[in-house]
Amino acid sequence: MHSVTIQPEEIFQALAEETRLRIIRLMVVTSEESCLCELVDSLLEPSYKLSRHLKILRQAGLLSSKKEGRWVYHRLLTEPPYLESLYAMVRALPDSNKIYSADLKRFRERMCLREGGRCLIGIQSGAFKAEAK
């Protein structure tokens, strides 16, 4: 196993964008790993945009990815230990526009479509379904 040095400014730069903050907030609150399809349906953002944001979050040392067949699952990293403090701060952020709660509602509905704990159906949101084909 190799160690990765995470630069604090990279973490905060990664979180300084609304969509990336929404991704991290969703993963912090649910403690779930998620594939791109599930994030597209939950955040109602196009896959090309979310893929770019996921890459930035991985490079900042906040996410890891694991490929399983057609799907890549993304999960929060919990090491180094100070990330837990960062995640607690993200969890405590106010939701004055109710965007986080709407994301969470859609995410929970989307997770009900999993089979055997895995996504097997791809993007379901009408506007983004055609883009995935």
N, C-alpha and C. Protein backbone atom coordinates (compact mmCIF):
# COMPACT_ATOMS: atom_id res chain seq x y z
N MET A 1 0.84 -1.17 0.00
CA MET A 1 0.00 0.00 0.00
C MET A 1 0.89 1.24 0.00
N HIS A 2 0.51 2.25 -0.76
CA HIS A 2 1.30 3.48 -0.81
C HIS A 2 0.57 4.59 -0.06
N SER A 3 1.33 5.54 0.46
CA SER A 3 0.70 6.65 1.16
C SER A 3 0.61 7.84 0.21
N VAL A 4 -0.44 8.61 0.40
CA VAL A 4 -0.68 9.78 -0.42
C VAL A 4 -0.62 11.00 0.47
N THR A 5 0.12 11.99 0.06
CA THR A 5 0.18 13.23 0.81
C THR A 5 -0.91 14.16 0.28
N ILE A 6 -1.81 14.51 1.17
CA ILE A 6 -2.92 15.37 0.79
C ILE A 6 -2.59 16.79 1.21
N GLN A 7 -2.70 17.71 0.28
CA GLN A 7 -2.45 19.11 0.58
C GLN A 7 -3.77 19.77 1.00
N PRO A 8 -3.79 20.43 2.15
CA PRO A 8 -5.03 21.05 2.63
C PRO A 8 -5.68 21.99 1.62
N GLU A 9 -4.86 22.77 0.91
CA GLU A 9 -5.46 23.71 -0.05
C GLU A 9 -6.17 22.98 -1.18
N GLU A 10 -5.72 21.78 -1.55
CA GLU A 10 -6.39 20.99 -2.58
C GLU A 10 -7.76 20.52 -2.10
N ILE A 11 -7.85 20.15 -0.84
CA ILE A 11 -9.13 19.72 -0.27
C ILE A 11 -10.13 20.87 -0.32
N PHE A 12 -9.72 22.02 0.16
CA PHE A 12 -10.65 23.15 0.21
C PHE A 12 -10.97 23.69 -1.18
N GLN A 13 -10.03 23.63 -2.10
CA GLN A 13 -10.34 24.02 -3.48
C GLN A 13 -11.37 23.06 -4.08
N ALA A 14 -11.24 21.78 -3.78
CA ALA A 14 -12.19 20.79 -4.29
C ALA A 14 -13.59 21.04 -3.73
N LEU A 15 -13.68 21.44 -2.48
CA LEU A 15 -14.98 21.66 -1.85
C LEU A 15 -15.56 23.05 -2.12
N ALA A 16 -14.80 23.90 -2.80
CA ALA A 16 -15.25 25.27 -3.05
C ALA A 16 -16.15 25.38 -4.27
N GLU A 17 -16.66 24.28 -4.75
CA GLU A 17 -17.55 24.27 -5.91
C GLU A 17 -18.84 23.57 -5.48
N GLU A 18 -19.98 24.14 -5.82
CA GLU A 18 -21.27 23.67 -5.31
C GLU A 18 -21.55 22.20 -5.62
N THR A 19 -21.34 21.77 -6.84
CA THR A 19 -21.65 20.39 -7.20
C THR A 19 -20.77 19.41 -6.43
N ARG A 20 -19.49 19.72 -6.30
CA ARG A 20 -18.60 18.83 -5.54
C ARG A 20 -18.99 18.79 -4.08
N LEU A 21 -19.39 19.92 -3.53
CA LEU A 21 -19.86 19.95 -2.15
C LEU A 21 -21.13 19.12 -1.99
N ARG A 22 -22.00 19.18 -2.97
CA ARG A 22 -23.23 18.37 -2.94
C ARG A 22 -22.89 16.87 -2.96
N ILE A 23 -21.91 16.48 -3.78
CA ILE A 23 -21.50 15.07 -3.85
C ILE A 23 -20.98 14.62 -2.50
N ILE A 24 -20.05 15.40 -1.93
CA ILE A 24 -19.46 15.03 -0.65
C ILE A 24 -20.51 15.02 0.44
N ARG A 25 -21.37 16.02 0.46
CA ARG A 25 -22.43 16.09 1.49
C ARG A 25 -23.31 14.84 1.41
N LEU A 26 -23.70 14.44 0.22
CA LEU A 26 -24.54 13.26 0.04
C LEU A 26 -23.84 12.00 0.56
N MET A 27 -22.58 11.87 0.25
CA MET A 27 -21.83 10.68 0.68
C MET A 27 -21.56 10.70 2.18
N VAL A 28 -21.34 11.87 2.74
CA VAL A 28 -21.12 11.99 4.18
C VAL A 28 -22.39 11.62 4.95
N VAL A 29 -23.51 12.15 4.51
CA VAL A 29 -24.78 11.93 5.22
C VAL A 29 -25.24 10.47 5.11
N THR A 30 -25.02 9.85 3.96
CA THR A 30 -25.53 8.49 3.75
C THR A 30 -24.52 7.40 4.11
N SER A 31 -23.25 7.73 4.11
CA SER A 31 -22.18 6.73 4.31
C SER A 31 -22.26 5.60 3.29
N GLU A 32 -22.77 5.91 2.12
CA GLU A 32 -22.92 4.92 1.06
C GLU A 32 -21.89 5.16 -0.04
N GLU A 33 -21.50 4.08 -0.71
CA GLU A 33 -20.76 4.27 -1.94
C GLU A 33 -21.79 4.41 -3.05
N SER A 34 -21.38 5.02 -4.15
CA SER A 34 -22.34 5.30 -5.20
C SER A 34 -21.68 5.23 -6.56
N CYS A 35 -22.44 4.81 -7.56
CA CYS A 35 -21.93 4.83 -8.93
C CYS A 35 -22.38 6.14 -9.60
N LEU A 36 -21.82 6.41 -10.74
CA LEU A 36 -22.13 7.64 -11.46
C LEU A 36 -23.62 7.73 -11.80
N CYS A 37 -24.22 6.62 -12.19
CA CYS A 37 -25.66 6.61 -12.54
C CYS A 37 -26.50 7.12 -11.38
N GLU A 38 -26.19 6.63 -10.19
CA GLU A 38 -26.96 7.02 -9.00
C GLU A 38 -26.75 8.49 -8.67
N LEU A 39 -25.55 8.99 -8.90
CA LEU A 39 -25.30 10.41 -8.65
C LEU A 39 -26.01 11.28 -9.68
N VAL A 40 -26.02 10.87 -10.94
CA VAL A 40 -26.73 11.62 -11.98
C VAL A 40 -28.21 11.73 -11.60
N ASP A 41 -28.82 10.62 -11.21
CA ASP A 41 -30.24 10.62 -10.85
C ASP A 41 -30.53 11.39 -9.56
N SER A 42 -29.57 11.43 -8.66
CA SER A 42 -29.77 12.10 -7.37
C SER A 42 -29.53 13.60 -7.45
N LEU A 43 -28.49 14.01 -8.16
CA LEU A 43 -28.13 15.42 -8.23
C LEU A 43 -28.71 16.12 -9.45
N LEU A 44 -29.27 15.33 -10.38
CA LEU A 44 -29.84 15.87 -11.62
C LEU A 44 -28.84 16.73 -12.38
N GLU A 45 -27.64 16.18 -12.51
CA GLU A 45 -26.56 16.81 -13.26
C GLU A 45 -26.10 15.81 -14.32
N PRO A 46 -25.61 16.28 -15.47
CA PRO A 46 -25.17 15.36 -16.53
C PRO A 46 -23.93 14.55 -16.11
N SER A 47 -23.82 13.35 -16.66
CA SER A 47 -22.74 12.44 -16.28
C SER A 47 -21.35 13.01 -16.59
N TYR A 48 -21.21 13.70 -17.73
CA TYR A 48 -19.89 14.25 -18.06
C TYR A 48 -19.43 15.26 -17.01
N LYS A 49 -20.36 16.04 -16.49
CA LYS A 49 -20.04 17.04 -15.47
C LYS A 49 -19.67 16.35 -14.15
N LEU A 50 -20.47 15.37 -13.75
CA LEU A 50 -20.20 14.67 -12.50
C LEU A 50 -18.91 13.88 -12.57
N SER A 51 -18.60 13.29 -13.71
CA SER A 51 -17.34 12.56 -13.87
C SER A 51 -16.15 13.47 -13.61
N ARG A 52 -16.21 14.66 -14.14
CA ARG A 52 -15.12 15.63 -13.94
C ARG A 52 -15.00 16.01 -12.46
N HIS A 53 -16.14 16.21 -11.81
CA HIS A 53 -16.11 16.57 -10.39
C HIS A 53 -15.61 15.41 -9.52
N LEU A 54 -16.00 14.20 -9.86
CA LEU A 54 -15.52 13.04 -9.11
C LEU A 54 -14.01 12.90 -9.23
N LYS A 55 -13.49 13.17 -10.42
CA LYS A 55 -12.04 13.10 -10.62
C LYS A 55 -11.32 14.11 -9.73
N ILE A 56 -11.83 15.30 -9.64
CA ILE A 56 -11.22 16.34 -8.80
C ILE A 56 -11.28 15.92 -7.33
N LEU A 57 -12.39 15.35 -6.90
CA LEU A 57 -12.51 14.90 -5.51
C LEU A 57 -11.56 13.74 -5.21
N ARG A 58 -11.36 12.86 -6.18
CA ARG A 58 -10.38 11.76 -6.02
C ARG A 58 -8.97 12.34 -5.91
N GLN A 59 -8.64 13.26 -6.80
CA GLN A 59 -7.30 13.86 -6.80
C GLN A 59 -7.02 14.64 -5.51
N ALA A 60 -8.06 15.19 -4.90
CA ALA A 60 -7.90 15.92 -3.64
C ALA A 60 -7.76 14.98 -2.45
N GLY A 61 -7.98 13.68 -2.68
CA GLY A 61 -7.84 12.71 -1.60
C GLY A 61 -9.08 12.50 -0.77
N LEU A 62 -10.26 12.84 -1.33
CA LEU A 62 -11.51 12.69 -0.59
C LEU A 62 -12.29 11.44 -0.98
N LEU A 63 -12.08 10.94 -2.19
CA LEU A 63 -12.82 9.78 -2.68
C LEU A 63 -11.87 8.71 -3.19
N SER A 64 -12.35 7.47 -3.14
CA SER A 64 -11.68 6.38 -3.84
C SER A 64 -12.70 5.79 -4.81
N SER A 65 -12.23 5.08 -5.80
CA SER A 65 -13.11 4.48 -6.80
C SER A 65 -12.73 3.03 -7.00
N LYS A 66 -13.76 2.22 -7.26
CA LYS A 66 -13.55 0.79 -7.50
C LYS A 66 -14.44 0.37 -8.66
N LYS A 67 -13.84 -0.22 -9.68
CA LYS A 67 -14.59 -0.67 -10.86
C LYS A 67 -15.13 -2.07 -10.64
N GLU A 68 -16.41 -2.24 -10.96
CA GLU A 68 -17.07 -3.55 -10.92
C GLU A 68 -17.88 -3.69 -12.20
N GLY A 69 -17.37 -4.44 -13.14
CA GLY A 69 -18.06 -4.60 -14.42
C GLY A 69 -18.17 -3.26 -15.12
N ARG A 70 -19.40 -2.88 -15.49
CA ARG A 70 -19.65 -1.60 -16.17
C ARG A 70 -19.60 -0.41 -15.23
N TRP A 71 -19.73 -0.66 -13.94
CA TRP A 71 -19.92 0.41 -12.98
C TRP A 71 -18.65 0.70 -12.19
N VAL A 72 -18.48 1.98 -11.86
CA VAL A 72 -17.41 2.42 -10.97
C VAL A 72 -18.08 2.98 -9.73
N TYR A 73 -17.73 2.44 -8.59
CA TYR A 73 -18.32 2.88 -7.32
C TYR A 73 -17.36 3.81 -6.61
N HIS A 74 -17.89 4.92 -6.13
CA HIS A 74 -17.11 5.95 -5.45
C HIS A 74 -17.49 5.94 -3.97
N ARG A 75 -16.46 6.08 -3.14
CA ARG A 75 -16.72 6.12 -1.70
C ARG A 75 -15.78 7.12 -1.05
N LEU A 76 -16.23 7.63 0.11
CA LEU A 76 -15.41 8.56 0.87
C LEU A 76 -14.21 7.86 1.47
N LEU A 77 -13.09 8.53 1.46
CA LEU A 77 -11.93 8.04 2.19
C LEU A 77 -12.06 8.49 3.64
N THR A 78 -11.62 7.67 4.56
CA THR A 78 -11.71 8.02 5.97
C THR A 78 -10.33 8.20 6.60
N GLU A 79 -9.30 8.00 5.82
CA GLU A 79 -7.93 8.23 6.28
C GLU A 79 -7.31 9.31 5.42
N PRO A 80 -6.55 10.19 5.97
CA PRO A 80 -6.13 10.33 7.35
C PRO A 80 -7.28 10.73 8.27
N PRO A 81 -7.08 10.52 9.58
CA PRO A 81 -8.17 10.72 10.56
C PRO A 81 -8.80 12.11 10.56
N TYR A 82 -8.06 13.14 10.17
CA TYR A 82 -8.64 14.49 10.19
C TYR A 82 -9.77 14.65 9.18
N LEU A 83 -9.89 13.74 8.22
CA LEU A 83 -11.00 13.83 7.26
C LEU A 83 -12.34 13.71 7.97
N GLU A 84 -12.39 12.93 9.05
CA GLU A 84 -13.66 12.79 9.80
C GLU A 84 -14.12 14.15 10.33
N SER A 85 -13.18 14.98 10.78
CA SER A 85 -13.53 16.33 11.25
C SER A 85 -14.07 17.18 10.10
N LEU A 86 -13.44 17.04 8.95
CA LEU A 86 -13.91 17.77 7.77
C LEU A 86 -15.32 17.33 7.40
N TYR A 87 -15.56 16.03 7.42
CA TYR A 87 -16.88 15.50 7.08
C TYR A 87 -17.94 15.94 8.09
N ALA A 88 -17.57 16.04 9.36
CA ALA A 88 -18.51 16.53 10.37
C ALA A 88 -18.90 17.97 10.07
N MET A 89 -17.95 18.76 9.62
CA MET A 89 -18.23 20.14 9.25
C MET A 89 -19.17 20.19 8.04
N VAL A 90 -18.92 19.36 7.04
CA VAL A 90 -19.77 19.31 5.85
C VAL A 90 -21.19 18.89 6.24
N ARG A 91 -21.30 17.91 7.13
CA ARG A 91 -22.60 17.42 7.59
C ARG A 91 -23.38 18.53 8.30
N ALA A 92 -22.67 19.43 8.99
CA ALA A 92 -23.30 20.48 9.78
C ALA A 92 -23.66 21.73 8.97
N LEU A 93 -23.28 21.77 7.70
CA LEU A 93 -23.59 22.95 6.89
C LEU A 93 -25.10 23.18 6.81
N PRO A 94 -25.53 24.43 6.84
CA PRO A 94 -26.97 24.71 6.72
C PRO A 94 -27.48 24.36 5.32
N ASP A 95 -28.75 24.04 5.25
CA ASP A 95 -29.40 23.68 3.98
C ASP A 95 -30.51 24.69 3.69
N SER A 96 -30.17 25.95 3.66
CA SER A 96 -31.18 27.00 3.54
C SER A 96 -31.97 26.93 2.25
N ASN A 97 -31.37 26.46 1.16
CA ASN A 97 -32.09 26.34 -0.11
C ASN A 97 -32.74 24.97 -0.28
N LYS A 98 -32.54 24.09 0.68
CA LYS A 98 -33.10 22.72 0.68
C LYS A 98 -32.57 21.87 -0.47
N ILE A 99 -31.45 22.27 -1.05
CA ILE A 99 -30.88 21.48 -2.15
C ILE A 99 -30.32 20.15 -1.64
N TYR A 100 -29.68 20.18 -0.47
CA TYR A 100 -29.11 18.96 0.08
C TYR A 100 -30.21 17.95 0.44
N SER A 101 -31.30 18.44 1.01
CA SER A 101 -32.38 17.53 1.37
C SER A 101 -33.06 16.96 0.12
N ALA A 102 -33.16 17.75 -0.94
CA ALA A 102 -33.73 17.24 -2.19
C ALA A 102 -32.81 16.19 -2.81
N ASP A 103 -31.49 16.44 -2.78
CA ASP A 103 -30.52 15.46 -3.26
C ASP A 103 -30.65 14.16 -2.48
N LEU A 104 -30.74 14.28 -1.16
CA LEU A 104 -30.83 13.11 -0.29
C LEU A 104 -32.10 12.31 -0.55
N LYS A 105 -33.22 12.99 -0.74
CA LYS A 105 -34.49 12.31 -1.03
C LYS A 105 -34.38 11.52 -2.33
N ARG A 106 -33.85 12.15 -3.37
CA ARG A 106 -33.70 11.46 -4.66
C ARG A 106 -32.71 10.30 -4.54
N PHE A 107 -31.63 10.49 -3.77
CA PHE A 107 -30.63 9.43 -3.59
C PHE A 107 -31.26 8.22 -2.90
N ARG A 108 -32.02 8.45 -1.86
CA ARG A 108 -32.65 7.31 -1.15
C ARG A 108 -33.64 6.58 -2.04
N GLU A 109 -34.39 7.33 -2.84
CA GLU A 109 -35.32 6.68 -3.79
C GLU A 109 -34.54 5.87 -4.82
N ARG A 110 -33.43 6.43 -5.29
CA ARG A 110 -32.62 5.75 -6.31
C ARG A 110 -31.96 4.49 -5.76
N MET A 111 -31.54 4.53 -4.51
CA MET A 111 -30.88 3.37 -3.90
C MET A 111 -31.83 2.18 -3.76
N CYS A 112 -33.12 2.46 -3.72
CA CYS A 112 -34.11 1.38 -3.65
C CYS A 112 -34.15 0.55 -4.93
N LEU A 113 -33.59 1.07 -6.01
CA LEU A 113 -33.58 0.36 -7.29
C LEU A 113 -32.41 -0.61 -7.42
N ARG A 114 -31.52 -0.62 -6.44
CA ARG A 114 -30.38 -1.54 -6.50
C ARG A 114 -30.84 -2.99 -6.39
N GLU A 115 -30.07 -3.85 -7.00
CA GLU A 115 -30.30 -5.29 -6.90
C GLU A 115 -29.07 -5.92 -6.28
N GLY A 116 -29.26 -6.60 -5.16
CA GLY A 116 -28.12 -7.21 -4.47
C GLY A 116 -27.11 -6.18 -4.00
N GLY A 117 -27.59 -4.98 -3.68
CA GLY A 117 -26.72 -3.93 -3.19
C GLY A 117 -25.92 -3.22 -4.27
N ARG A 118 -26.23 -3.46 -5.53
CA ARG A 118 -25.48 -2.87 -6.64
C ARG A 118 -26.42 -2.26 -7.68
N CYS A 119 -25.92 -1.24 -8.37
CA CYS A 119 -26.66 -0.62 -9.46
C CYS A 119 -26.55 -1.53 -10.68
N LEU A 120 -27.67 -1.86 -11.26
CA LEU A 120 -27.66 -2.70 -12.46
C LEU A 120 -28.50 -2.13 -13.58
N ILE A 121 -29.01 -0.90 -13.38
CA ILE A 121 -29.97 -0.39 -14.35
C ILE A 121 -29.53 0.87 -15.08
N GLY A 122 -28.46 1.52 -14.65
CA GLY A 122 -28.00 2.73 -15.34
C GLY A 122 -28.83 3.95 -14.98
N ILE A 123 -28.62 5.02 -15.72
CA ILE A 123 -29.29 6.30 -15.45
C ILE A 123 -30.78 6.17 -15.73
N GLN A 124 -31.59 6.68 -14.81
CA GLN A 124 -33.04 6.60 -14.95
C GLN A 124 -33.70 7.95 -15.22
N SER A 125 -33.03 9.06 -14.90
CA SER A 125 -33.60 10.40 -15.11
C SER A 125 -33.77 10.64 -16.59
N GLY A 126 -34.98 10.95 -17.00
CA GLY A 126 -35.32 11.11 -18.40
C GLY A 126 -34.37 11.97 -19.21
N ALA A 127 -34.05 13.15 -18.71
CA ALA A 127 -33.22 14.08 -19.46
C ALA A 127 -31.80 13.56 -19.66
N PHE A 128 -31.33 12.75 -18.73
CA PHE A 128 -29.95 12.28 -18.79
C PHE A 128 -29.83 10.85 -19.29
N LYS A 129 -30.95 10.16 -19.39
CA LYS A 129 -30.95 8.76 -19.83
C LYS A 129 -30.42 8.64 -21.27
N ALA A 130 -30.87 9.54 -22.13
CA ALA A 130 -30.47 9.50 -23.54
C ALA A 130 -28.97 9.79 -23.69
N GLU A 131 -28.44 10.64 -22.83
CA GLU A 131 -27.01 11.00 -22.91
C GLU A 131 -26.13 9.79 -22.62
N ALA A 132 -26.61 8.87 -21.80
CA ALA A 132 -25.80 7.71 -21.40
C ALA A 132 -25.74 6.64 -22.47
N LYS A 133 -26.61 6.72 -23.46
CA LYS A 133 -26.64 5.66 -24.49
C LYS A 133 -25.62 5.90 -25.56
